[in-house]
All heavy atoms as atom14 arrays in JSON, in Angstrom:
{
  "sequence": "RRIDLAPCSPFNVTPELLRDTRTLARERGVLLHTHLAETLEEQTFCLE",
  "atom14_mask": [
    [1, 1, 1, 1, 1, 1, 1, 1, 1, 1, 1, 0, 0, 0],
    [1, 1, 1, 1, 1, 1, 1, 1, 1, 1, 1, 0, 0, 0],
    [1, 1, 1, 1, 1, 1, 1, 1, 0, 0, 0, 0, 0, 0],
    [1, 1, 1, 1, 1, 1, 1, 1, 0, 0, 0, 0, 0, 0],
    [1, 1, 1, 1, 1, 1, 1, 1, 0, 0, 0, 0, 0, 0],
    [1, 1, 1, 1, 1, 0, 0, 0, 0, 0, 0, 0, 0, 0],
    [1, 1, 1, 1, 1, 1, 1, 0, 0, 0, 0, 0, 0, 0],
    [1, 1, 1, 1, 1, 1, 0, 0, 0, 0, 0, 0, 0, 0],
    [1, 1, 1, 1, 1, 1, 0, 0, 0, 0, 0, 0, 0, 0],
    [1, 1, 1, 1, 1, 1, 1, 0, 0, 0, 0, 0, 0, 0],
    [1, 1, 1, 1, 1, 1, 1, 1, 1, 1, 1, 0, 0, 0],
    [1, 1, 1, 1, 1, 1, 1, 1, 0, 0, 0, 0, 0, 0],
    [1, 1, 1, 1, 1, 1, 1, 0, 0, 0, 0, 0, 0, 0],
    [1, 1, 1, 1, 1, 1, 1, 0, 0, 0, 0, 0, 0, 0],
    [1, 1, 1, 1, 1, 1, 1, 0, 0, 0, 0, 0, 0, 0],
    [1, 1, 1, 1, 1, 1, 1, 1, 1, 0, 0, 0, 0, 0],
    [1, 1, 1, 1, 1, 1, 1, 1, 0, 0, 0, 0, 0, 0],
    [1, 1, 1, 1, 1, 1, 1, 1, 0, 0, 0, 0, 0, 0],
    [1, 1, 1, 1, 1, 1, 1, 1, 1, 1, 1, 0, 0, 0],
    [1, 1, 1, 1, 1, 1, 1, 1, 0, 0, 0, 0, 0, 0],
    [1, 1, 1, 1, 1, 1, 1, 0, 0, 0, 0, 0, 0, 0],
    [1, 1, 1, 1, 1, 1, 1, 1, 1, 1, 1, 0, 0, 0],
    [1, 1, 1, 1, 1, 1, 1, 0, 0, 0, 0, 0, 0, 0],
    [1, 1, 1, 1, 1, 1, 1, 1, 0, 0, 0, 0, 0, 0],
    [1, 1, 1, 1, 1, 0, 0, 0, 0, 0, 0, 0, 0, 0],
    [1, 1, 1, 1, 1, 1, 1, 1, 1, 1, 1, 0, 0, 0],
    [1, 1, 1, 1, 1, 1, 1, 1, 1, 0, 0, 0, 0, 0],
    [1, 1, 1, 1, 1, 1, 1, 1, 1, 1, 1, 0, 0, 0],
    [1, 1, 1, 1, 0, 0, 0, 0, 0, 0, 0, 0, 0, 0],
    [1, 1, 1, 1, 1, 1, 1, 0, 0, 0, 0, 0, 0, 0],
    [1, 1, 1, 1, 1, 1, 1, 1, 0, 0, 0, 0, 0, 0],
    [1, 1, 1, 1, 1, 1, 1, 1, 0, 0, 0, 0, 0, 0],
    [1, 1, 1, 1, 1, 1, 1, 1, 1, 1, 0, 0, 0, 0],
    [1, 1, 1, 1, 1, 1, 1, 0, 0, 0, 0, 0, 0, 0],
    [1, 1, 1, 1, 1, 1, 1, 1, 1, 1, 0, 0, 0, 0],
    [1, 1, 1, 1, 1, 1, 1, 1, 0, 0, 0, 0, 0, 0],
    [1, 1, 1, 1, 1, 0, 0, 0, 0, 0, 0, 0, 0, 0],
    [1, 1, 1, 1, 1, 1, 1, 1, 1, 0, 0, 0, 0, 0],
    [1, 1, 1, 1, 1, 1, 1, 0, 0, 0, 0, 0, 0, 0],
    [1, 1, 1, 1, 1, 1, 1, 1, 0, 0, 0, 0, 0, 0],
    [1, 1, 1, 1, 1, 1, 1, 1, 1, 0, 0, 0, 0, 0],
    [1, 1, 1, 1, 1, 1, 1, 1, 1, 0, 0, 0, 0, 0],
    [1, 1, 1, 1, 1, 1, 1, 1, 1, 0, 0, 0, 0, 0],
    [1, 1, 1, 1, 1, 1, 1, 0, 0, 0, 0, 0, 0, 0],
    [1, 1, 1, 1, 1, 1, 1, 1, 1, 1, 1, 0, 0, 0],
    [1, 1, 1, 1, 1, 1, 0, 0, 0, 0, 0, 0, 0, 0],
    [1, 1, 1, 1, 1, 1, 1, 1, 0, 0, 0, 0, 0, 0],
    [1, 1, 1, 1, 1, 1, 1, 1, 1, 0, 0, 0, 0, 0]
  ],
  "atom14_positions": [
    [[75.69, 134.74, 176.74], [76.63, 133.64, 176.53], [77.81, 133.78, 177.5], [78.48, 134.8, 177.53], [77.13, 133.68, 175.1], [78.2, 132.67, 174.75], [78.71, 132.93, 173.35], [77.74, 132.55, 172.34], [77.82, 132.91, 171.06], [78.79, 133.68, 170.65], [76.91, 132.49, 170.2], [0.0, 0.0, 0.0], [0.0, 0.0, 0.0], [0.0, 0.0, 0.0]],
    [[78.0, 132.74, 178.3], [79.17, 132.67, 179.16], [79.86, 131.33, 178.96], [79.22, 130.34, 178.58], [78.8, 132.86, 180.63], [78.4, 134.3, 180.94], [78.73, 134.71, 182.33], [78.36, 136.11, 182.55], [77.97, 136.58, 183.72], [77.9, 135.79, 184.77], [77.67, 137.86, 183.86], [0.0, 0.0, 0.0], [0.0, 0.0, 0.0], [0.0, 0.0, 0.0]],
    [[81.14, 131.29, 179.25], [81.92, 130.07, 179.15], [82.37, 129.65, 180.56], [82.94, 130.46, 181.3], [83.16, 130.25, 178.25], [82.74, 130.75, 176.85], [83.96, 128.95, 178.16], [81.83, 129.81, 176.08], [0.0, 0.0, 0.0], [0.0, 0.0, 0.0], [0.0, 0.0, 0.0], [0.0, 0.0, 0.0], [0.0, 0.0, 0.0], [0.0, 0.0, 0.0]],
    [[82.09, 128.42, 180.93], [82.61, 127.82, 182.15], [83.61, 126.73, 181.76], [83.54, 126.21, 180.64], [81.48, 127.2, 182.99], [80.37, 128.19, 183.31], [80.63, 129.41, 183.29], [79.23, 127.75, 183.57], [0.0, 0.0, 0.0], [0.0, 0.0, 0.0], [0.0, 0.0, 0.0], [0.0, 0.0, 0.0], [0.0, 0.0, 0.0], [0.0, 0.0, 0.0]],
    [[84.51, 126.38, 182.64], [85.49, 125.33, 182.37], [85.14, 124.1, 183.17], [84.9, 124.19, 184.38], [86.91, 125.81, 182.68], [87.37, 127.04, 181.88], [88.84, 127.35, 182.18], [87.17, 126.86, 180.38], [0.0, 0.0, 0.0], [0.0, 0.0, 0.0], [0.0, 0.0, 0.0], [0.0, 0.0, 0.0], [0.0, 0.0, 0.0], [0.0, 0.0, 0.0]],
    [[85.13, 122.92, 182.51], [84.45, 121.78, 183.12], [85.06, 120.43, 182.77], [84.54, 119.69, 181.94], [82.98, 121.79, 182.69], [0.0, 0.0, 0.0], [0.0, 0.0, 0.0], [0.0, 0.0, 0.0], [0.0, 0.0, 0.0], [0.0, 0.0, 0.0], [0.0, 0.0, 0.0], [0.0, 0.0, 0.0], [0.0, 0.0, 0.0], [0.0, 0.0, 0.0]],
    [[86.17, 120.05, 183.41], [86.64, 118.67, 183.28], [85.49, 117.71, 183.58], [84.68, 117.98, 184.47], [87.75, 118.58, 184.33], [88.24, 119.99, 184.48], [87.02, 120.85, 184.31], [0.0, 0.0, 0.0], [0.0, 0.0, 0.0], [0.0, 0.0, 0.0], [0.0, 0.0, 0.0], [0.0, 0.0, 0.0], [0.0, 0.0, 0.0], [0.0, 0.0, 0.0]],
    [[85.42, 116.61, 182.86], [84.24, 115.76, 182.93], [84.02, 115.21, 184.33], [82.92, 115.33, 184.89], [84.37, 114.61, 181.92], [82.93, 113.51, 181.91], [0.0, 0.0, 0.0], [0.0, 0.0, 0.0], [0.0, 0.0, 0.0], [0.0, 0.0, 0.0], [0.0, 0.0, 0.0], [0.0, 0.0, 0.0], [0.0, 0.0, 0.0], [0.0, 0.0, 0.0]],
    [[85.04, 114.58, 184.91], [84.9, 113.98, 186.23], [86.3, 113.59, 186.72], [87.23, 113.49, 185.91], [84.0, 112.75, 186.19], [84.56, 111.76, 185.36], [0.0, 0.0, 0.0], [0.0, 0.0, 0.0], [0.0, 0.0, 0.0], [0.0, 0.0, 0.0], [0.0, 0.0, 0.0], [0.0, 0.0, 0.0], [0.0, 0.0, 0.0], [0.0, 0.0, 0.0]],
    [[86.47, 113.33, 188.01], [87.81, 112.98, 188.51], [88.41, 111.74, 187.88], [89.64, 111.61, 187.83], [87.57, 112.77, 190.01], [86.37, 113.59, 190.33], [85.51, 113.5, 189.11], [0.0, 0.0, 0.0], [0.0, 0.0, 0.0], [0.0, 0.0, 0.0], [0.0, 0.0, 0.0], [0.0, 0.0, 0.0], [0.0, 0.0, 0.0], [0.0, 0.0, 0.0]],
    [[87.56, 110.83, 187.38], [88.11, 109.59, 186.83], [88.33, 109.66, 185.32], [88.67, 108.67, 184.69], [87.21, 108.39, 187.17], [85.75, 108.57, 186.83], [85.27, 108.33, 185.57], [84.85, 108.96, 187.82], [83.93, 108.49, 185.27], [83.5, 109.11, 187.53], [83.03, 108.88, 186.25], [0.0, 0.0, 0.0], [0.0, 0.0, 0.0], [0.0, 0.0, 0.0]],
    [[88.15, 110.83, 184.71], [88.34, 110.97, 183.26], [89.4, 112.0, 182.89], [89.61, 112.26, 181.71], [87.03, 111.34, 182.58], [86.1, 110.15, 182.42], [86.54, 109.01, 182.47], [84.82, 110.4, 182.25], [0.0, 0.0, 0.0], [0.0, 0.0, 0.0], [0.0, 0.0, 0.0], [0.0, 0.0, 0.0], [0.0, 0.0, 0.0], [0.0, 0.0, 0.0]],
    [[90.02, 112.63, 183.89], [91.06, 113.63, 183.61], [92.23, 113.42, 184.56], [92.1, 112.82, 185.63], [90.52, 115.08, 183.75], [89.44, 115.36, 182.73], [90.0, 115.34, 185.17], [0.0, 0.0, 0.0], [0.0, 0.0, 0.0], [0.0, 0.0, 0.0], [0.0, 0.0, 0.0], [0.0, 0.0, 0.0], [0.0, 0.0, 0.0], [0.0, 0.0, 0.0]],
    [[93.37, 113.96, 184.17], [94.55, 113.86, 185.02], [94.48, 114.91, 186.14], [93.83, 115.95, 185.99], [95.82, 114.12, 184.21], [95.8, 115.48, 183.73], [95.93, 113.17, 183.02], [0.0, 0.0, 0.0], [0.0, 0.0, 0.0], [0.0, 0.0, 0.0], [0.0, 0.0, 0.0], [0.0, 0.0, 0.0], [0.0, 0.0, 0.0], [0.0, 0.0, 0.0]],
    [[95.16, 114.67, 187.25], [95.2, 115.7, 188.31], [95.86, 116.97, 187.82], [95.48, 118.08, 188.25], [96.0, 115.03, 189.43], [96.7, 113.87, 188.81], [95.85, 113.43, 187.66], [0.0, 0.0, 0.0], [0.0, 0.0, 0.0], [0.0, 0.0, 0.0], [0.0, 0.0, 0.0], [0.0, 0.0, 0.0], [0.0, 0.0, 0.0], [0.0, 0.0, 0.0]],
    [[96.81, 116.85, 186.91], [97.46, 118.04, 186.35], [96.45, 118.91, 185.6], [96.47, 120.14, 185.7], [98.6, 117.65, 185.42], [99.8, 116.99, 186.11], [99.56, 115.52, 186.46], [98.6, 114.92, 185.91], [100.33, 114.98, 187.28], [0.0, 0.0, 0.0], [0.0, 0.0, 0.0], [0.0, 0.0, 0.0], [0.0, 0.0, 0.0], [0.0, 0.0, 0.0]],
    [[95.55, 118.25, 184.84], [94.54, 119.03, 184.11], [93.57, 119.71, 185.07], [93.16, 120.85, 184.84], [93.78, 118.13, 183.12], [92.73, 118.86, 182.28], [93.39, 119.9, 181.39], [91.92, 117.88, 181.44], [0.0, 0.0, 0.0], [0.0, 0.0, 0.0], [0.0, 0.0, 0.0], [0.0, 0.0, 0.0], [0.0, 0.0, 0.0], [0.0, 0.0, 0.0]],
    [[93.18, 119.02, 186.12], [92.3, 119.65, 187.12], [92.97, 120.89, 187.7], [92.34, 121.95, 187.82], [91.97, 118.66, 188.23], [90.88, 117.62, 187.93], [90.83, 116.56, 189.01], [89.52, 118.29, 187.79], [0.0, 0.0, 0.0], [0.0, 0.0, 0.0], [0.0, 0.0, 0.0], [0.0, 0.0, 0.0], [0.0, 0.0, 0.0], [0.0, 0.0, 0.0]],
    [[94.24, 120.79, 188.06], [94.94, 121.94, 188.63], [95.08, 123.07, 187.62], [94.84, 124.25, 187.93], [96.32, 121.51, 189.15], [96.28, 120.75, 190.46], [97.68, 120.64, 191.07], [98.51, 119.72, 190.3], [98.69, 118.43, 190.6], [98.08, 117.91, 191.66], [99.47, 117.67, 189.88], [0.0, 0.0, 0.0], [0.0, 0.0, 0.0], [0.0, 0.0, 0.0]],
    [[95.48, 122.73, 186.39], [95.7, 123.78, 185.38], [94.38, 124.43, 184.98], [94.34, 125.65, 184.71], [96.39, 123.19, 184.16], [97.84, 122.79, 184.44], [98.39, 123.24, 185.46], [98.41, 122.03, 183.63], [0.0, 0.0, 0.0], [0.0, 0.0, 0.0], [0.0, 0.0, 0.0], [0.0, 0.0, 0.0], [0.0, 0.0, 0.0], [0.0, 0.0, 0.0]],
    [[93.3, 123.66, 184.91], [91.99, 124.22, 184.58], [91.53, 125.16, 185.69], [91.0, 126.25, 185.43], [90.96, 123.11, 184.37], [91.4, 122.22, 183.34], [89.6, 123.69, 183.99], [0.0, 0.0, 0.0], [0.0, 0.0, 0.0], [0.0, 0.0, 0.0], [0.0, 0.0, 0.0], [0.0, 0.0, 0.0], [0.0, 0.0, 0.0], [0.0, 0.0, 0.0]],
    [[91.73, 124.75, 186.93], [91.39, 125.6, 188.08], [92.14, 126.92, 188.0], [91.57, 128.02, 188.17], [91.73, 124.87, 189.37], [91.55, 125.69, 190.65], [92.51, 125.2, 191.72], [93.9, 125.45, 191.36], [94.93, 124.75, 191.81], [94.75, 123.71, 192.61], [96.16, 125.07, 191.43], [0.0, 0.0, 0.0], [0.0, 0.0, 0.0], [0.0, 0.0, 0.0]],
    [[93.44, 126.85, 187.71], [94.25, 128.07, 187.63], [93.77, 128.99, 186.53], [93.62, 130.21, 186.72], [95.73, 127.7, 187.4], [96.18, 126.91, 188.51], [96.59, 128.94, 187.27], [0.0, 0.0, 0.0], [0.0, 0.0, 0.0], [0.0, 0.0, 0.0], [0.0, 0.0, 0.0], [0.0, 0.0, 0.0], [0.0, 0.0, 0.0], [0.0, 0.0, 0.0]],
    [[93.51, 128.42, 185.36], [93.03, 129.22, 184.23], [91.69, 129.86, 184.55], [91.48, 131.06, 184.27], [92.92, 128.34, 182.98], [92.34, 129.01, 181.73], [93.18, 130.2, 181.31], [92.21, 127.99, 180.6], [0.0, 0.0, 0.0], [0.0, 0.0, 0.0], [0.0, 0.0, 0.0], [0.0, 0.0, 0.0], [0.0, 0.0, 0.0], [0.0, 0.0, 0.0]],
    [[90.77, 129.09, 185.11], [89.45, 129.63, 185.42], [89.54, 130.8, 186.39], [88.86, 131.82, 186.22], [88.56, 128.53, 185.99], [0.0, 0.0, 0.0], [0.0, 0.0, 0.0], [0.0, 0.0, 0.0], [0.0, 0.0, 0.0], [0.0, 0.0, 0.0], [0.0, 0.0, 0.0], [0.0, 0.0, 0.0], [0.0, 0.0, 0.0], [0.0, 0.0, 0.0]],
    [[90.4, 130.68, 187.39], [90.48, 131.75, 188.39], [91.25, 132.96, 187.86], [90.96, 134.1, 188.24], [91.06, 131.2, 189.69], [90.03, 130.3, 190.36], [90.44, 129.58, 191.59], [89.28, 128.81, 192.09], [89.34, 127.81, 192.94], [90.53, 127.41, 193.42], [88.25, 127.19, 193.33], [0.0, 0.0, 0.0], [0.0, 0.0, 0.0], [0.0, 0.0, 0.0]],
    [[92.16, 132.73, 186.94], [92.81, 133.86, 186.28], [91.82, 134.64, 185.43], [91.89, 135.87, 185.35], [93.96, 133.37, 185.4], [95.19, 132.92, 186.16], [96.24, 132.32, 185.25], [95.92, 132.07, 184.05], [97.37, 132.08, 185.71], [0.0, 0.0, 0.0], [0.0, 0.0, 0.0], [0.0, 0.0, 0.0], [0.0, 0.0, 0.0], [0.0, 0.0, 0.0]],
    [[90.87, 133.92, 184.8], [89.92, 134.56, 183.88], [88.59, 134.91, 184.54], [87.73, 135.51, 183.89], [89.69, 133.63, 182.68], [90.95, 133.26, 181.9], [91.57, 134.47, 181.21], [90.73, 134.96, 180.15], [90.85, 134.61, 178.87], [91.81, 133.75, 178.5], [90.05, 135.1, 177.97], [0.0, 0.0, 0.0], [0.0, 0.0, 0.0], [0.0, 0.0, 0.0]],
    [[88.4, 134.52, 185.8], [87.18, 134.87, 186.51], [85.95, 134.14, 186.01], [84.84, 134.71, 185.98], [0.0, 0.0, 0.0], [0.0, 0.0, 0.0], [0.0, 0.0, 0.0], [0.0, 0.0, 0.0], [0.0, 0.0, 0.0], [0.0, 0.0, 0.0], [0.0, 0.0, 0.0], [0.0, 0.0, 0.0], [0.0, 0.0, 0.0], [0.0, 0.0, 0.0]],
    [[86.11, 132.85, 185.63], [84.97, 132.07, 185.14], [84.68, 130.91, 186.1], [85.51, 130.56, 186.95], [85.2, 131.55, 183.72], [85.44, 132.72, 182.76], [86.36, 130.56, 183.66], [0.0, 0.0, 0.0], [0.0, 0.0, 0.0], [0.0, 0.0, 0.0], [0.0, 0.0, 0.0], [0.0, 0.0, 0.0], [0.0, 0.0, 0.0], [0.0, 0.0, 0.0]],
    [[83.52, 130.31, 185.94], [83.11, 129.23, 186.83], [83.75, 127.9, 186.45], [84.11, 127.67, 185.29], [81.59, 129.08, 186.79], [80.75, 130.27, 187.25], [79.27, 129.93, 187.18], [81.14, 130.72, 188.65], [0.0, 0.0, 0.0], [0.0, 0.0, 0.0], [0.0, 0.0, 0.0], [0.0, 0.0, 0.0], [0.0, 0.0, 0.0], [0.0, 0.0, 0.0]],
    [[83.86, 127.03, 187.46], [84.31, 125.66, 187.28], [83.15, 124.71, 187.51], [82.3, 124.95, 188.39], [85.43, 125.34, 188.28], [86.78, 126.02, 188.06], [87.61, 125.98, 189.33], [87.53, 125.35, 186.9], [0.0, 0.0, 0.0], [0.0, 0.0, 0.0], [0.0, 0.0, 0.0], [0.0, 0.0, 0.0], [0.0, 0.0, 0.0], [0.0, 0.0, 0.0]],
    [[83.13, 123.61, 186.76], [82.03, 122.66, 186.85], [82.54, 121.25, 186.59], [83.46, 121.05, 185.8], [80.96, 123.02, 185.81], [79.74, 122.16, 185.84], [79.04, 121.89, 187.0], [79.07, 121.5, 184.85], [78.01, 121.12, 186.72], [78.01, 120.86, 185.43], [0.0, 0.0, 0.0], [0.0, 0.0, 0.0], [0.0, 0.0, 0.0], [0.0, 0.0, 0.0]],
    [[81.99, 120.27, 187.29], [82.3, 118.87, 187.01], [81.24, 117.98, 187.65], [80.43, 118.44, 188.47], [83.7, 118.49, 187.55], [84.09, 117.22, 187.01], [83.74, 118.43, 189.07], [0.0, 0.0, 0.0], [0.0, 0.0, 0.0], [0.0, 0.0, 0.0], [0.0, 0.0, 0.0], [0.0, 0.0, 0.0], [0.0, 0.0, 0.0], [0.0, 0.0, 0.0]],
    [[81.23, 116.69, 187.24], [80.42, 115.68, 187.92], [81.13, 115.25, 189.2], [82.34, 115.15, 189.23], [80.25, 114.43, 187.04], [79.58, 114.67, 185.73], [80.29, 114.91, 184.57], [78.27, 114.7, 185.39], [79.44, 115.06, 183.57], [78.2, 114.94, 184.04], [0.0, 0.0, 0.0], [0.0, 0.0, 0.0], [0.0, 0.0, 0.0], [0.0, 0.0, 0.0]],
    [[80.32, 114.91, 190.22], [80.97, 114.43, 191.44], [80.0, 113.6, 192.29], [78.81, 113.92, 192.4], [81.48, 115.6, 192.29], [82.54, 115.16, 193.32], [83.89, 114.92, 192.64], [82.69, 116.18, 194.43], [0.0, 0.0, 0.0], [0.0, 0.0, 0.0], [0.0, 0.0, 0.0], [0.0, 0.0, 0.0], [0.0, 0.0, 0.0], [0.0, 0.0, 0.0]],
    [[80.56, 112.53, 192.87], [79.86, 111.71, 193.87], [78.5, 111.24, 193.35], [77.52, 111.21, 194.09], [79.71, 112.48, 195.18], [0.0, 0.0, 0.0], [0.0, 0.0, 0.0], [0.0, 0.0, 0.0], [0.0, 0.0, 0.0], [0.0, 0.0, 0.0], [0.0, 0.0, 0.0], [0.0, 0.0, 0.0], [0.0, 0.0, 0.0], [0.0, 0.0, 0.0]],
    [[78.49, 110.81, 192.09], [77.22, 110.4, 191.47], [76.82, 108.99, 191.87], [75.63, 108.7, 192.03], [77.34, 110.52, 189.95], [76.04, 110.26, 189.21], [76.16, 110.54, 187.72], [77.22, 111.04, 187.27], [75.18, 110.26, 187.0], [0.0, 0.0, 0.0], [0.0, 0.0, 0.0], [0.0, 0.0, 0.0], [0.0, 0.0, 0.0], [0.0, 0.0, 0.0]],
    [[77.81, 108.09, 191.99], [77.49, 106.68, 192.27], [78.46, 106.1, 193.29], [79.55, 106.63, 193.53], [77.61, 105.83, 190.98], [78.99, 105.79, 190.58], [76.75, 106.39, 189.86], [0.0, 0.0, 0.0], [0.0, 0.0, 0.0], [0.0, 0.0, 0.0], [0.0, 0.0, 0.0], [0.0, 0.0, 0.0], [0.0, 0.0, 0.0], [0.0, 0.0, 0.0]],
    [[78.06, 104.99, 193.87], [78.96, 104.25, 194.75], [80.15, 103.69, 193.98], [81.26, 103.58, 194.52], [78.21, 103.12, 195.44], [77.36, 103.51, 196.65], [76.54, 102.33, 197.14], [78.23, 104.06, 197.78], [0.0, 0.0, 0.0], [0.0, 0.0, 0.0], [0.0, 0.0, 0.0], [0.0, 0.0, 0.0], [0.0, 0.0, 0.0], [0.0, 0.0, 0.0]],
    [[79.94, 103.32, 192.71], [81.03, 102.82, 191.89], [82.11, 103.89, 191.71], [83.31, 103.59, 191.73], [80.51, 102.37, 190.53], [79.66, 101.11, 190.56], [78.21, 101.37, 190.97], [77.83, 102.54, 191.16], [77.48, 100.38, 191.14], [0.0, 0.0, 0.0], [0.0, 0.0, 0.0], [0.0, 0.0, 0.0], [0.0, 0.0, 0.0], [0.0, 0.0, 0.0]],
    [[81.69, 105.15, 191.55], [82.66, 106.24, 191.45], [83.44, 106.37, 192.76], [84.67, 106.57, 192.75], [81.94, 107.55, 191.16], [82.85, 108.77, 191.14], [82.1, 110.08, 191.11], [80.92, 110.09, 190.71], [82.7, 111.11, 191.49], [0.0, 0.0, 0.0], [0.0, 0.0, 0.0], [0.0, 0.0, 0.0], [0.0, 0.0, 0.0], [0.0, 0.0, 0.0]],
    [[82.75, 106.23, 193.87], [83.42, 106.32, 195.17], [84.48, 105.23, 195.31], [85.62, 105.48, 195.73], [82.38, 106.2, 196.28], [82.93, 106.33, 197.68], [81.81, 106.34, 198.7], [81.01, 107.27, 198.75], [81.73, 105.3, 199.51], [0.0, 0.0, 0.0], [0.0, 0.0, 0.0], [0.0, 0.0, 0.0], [0.0, 0.0, 0.0], [0.0, 0.0, 0.0]],
    [[84.1, 104.01, 194.92], [85.06, 102.89, 194.99], [86.24, 103.12, 194.05], [87.4, 102.88, 194.42], [84.34, 101.58, 194.62], [83.28, 101.35, 195.55], [85.3, 100.4, 194.64], [0.0, 0.0, 0.0], [0.0, 0.0, 0.0], [0.0, 0.0, 0.0], [0.0, 0.0, 0.0], [0.0, 0.0, 0.0], [0.0, 0.0, 0.0], [0.0, 0.0, 0.0]],
    [[85.96, 103.59, 192.83], [87.0, 103.87, 191.85], [88.0, 104.88, 192.41], [89.22, 104.71, 192.32], [86.36, 104.4, 190.56], [87.31, 104.65, 189.43], [87.51, 103.7, 188.45], [88.02, 105.84, 189.33], [88.37, 103.92, 187.39], [88.89, 106.08, 188.28], [89.07, 105.11, 187.31], [0.0, 0.0, 0.0], [0.0, 0.0, 0.0], [0.0, 0.0, 0.0]],
    [[87.48, 105.97, 193.01], [88.36, 107.01, 193.53], [89.18, 106.5, 194.72], [90.36, 106.83, 194.84], [87.54, 108.23, 193.93], [86.87, 109.16, 192.53], [0.0, 0.0, 0.0], [0.0, 0.0, 0.0], [0.0, 0.0, 0.0], [0.0, 0.0, 0.0], [0.0, 0.0, 0.0], [0.0, 0.0, 0.0], [0.0, 0.0, 0.0], [0.0, 0.0, 0.0]],
    [[88.56, 105.71, 195.58], [89.3, 105.16, 196.71], [90.45, 104.26, 196.23], [91.56, 104.31, 196.77], [88.36, 104.37, 197.62], [87.42, 105.22, 198.5], [86.36, 104.35, 199.14], [88.21, 105.98, 199.57], [0.0, 0.0, 0.0], [0.0, 0.0, 0.0], [0.0, 0.0, 0.0], [0.0, 0.0, 0.0], [0.0, 0.0, 0.0], [0.0, 0.0, 0.0]],
    [[90.18, 103.45, 195.19], [91.2, 102.54, 194.69], [92.28, 103.25, 193.89], [93.47, 102.94, 194.01], [90.53, 101.45, 193.83], [89.65, 100.5, 194.63], [88.95, 99.49, 193.73], [89.03, 99.64, 192.48], [88.31, 98.56, 194.27], [0.0, 0.0, 0.0], [0.0, 0.0, 0.0], [0.0, 0.0, 0.0], [0.0, 0.0, 0.0], [0.0, 0.0, 0.0]]
  ]
}
C-alpha cells in the first residue's frame, strides 16, 4: 500500500492547491498524479 497525491486535473483545482500538493508530496517523498491533455476541449479551456 502506497499513497500518491493527485489533484484531479488543472481545470478542477486551484493553482494554489497544485503548488501546495506538490510541496507536500516532495516533502514526504511520494508520487504526484493527475489527468492531462486528454481532449481538445481541455486544451481550449486551459488556453482561455
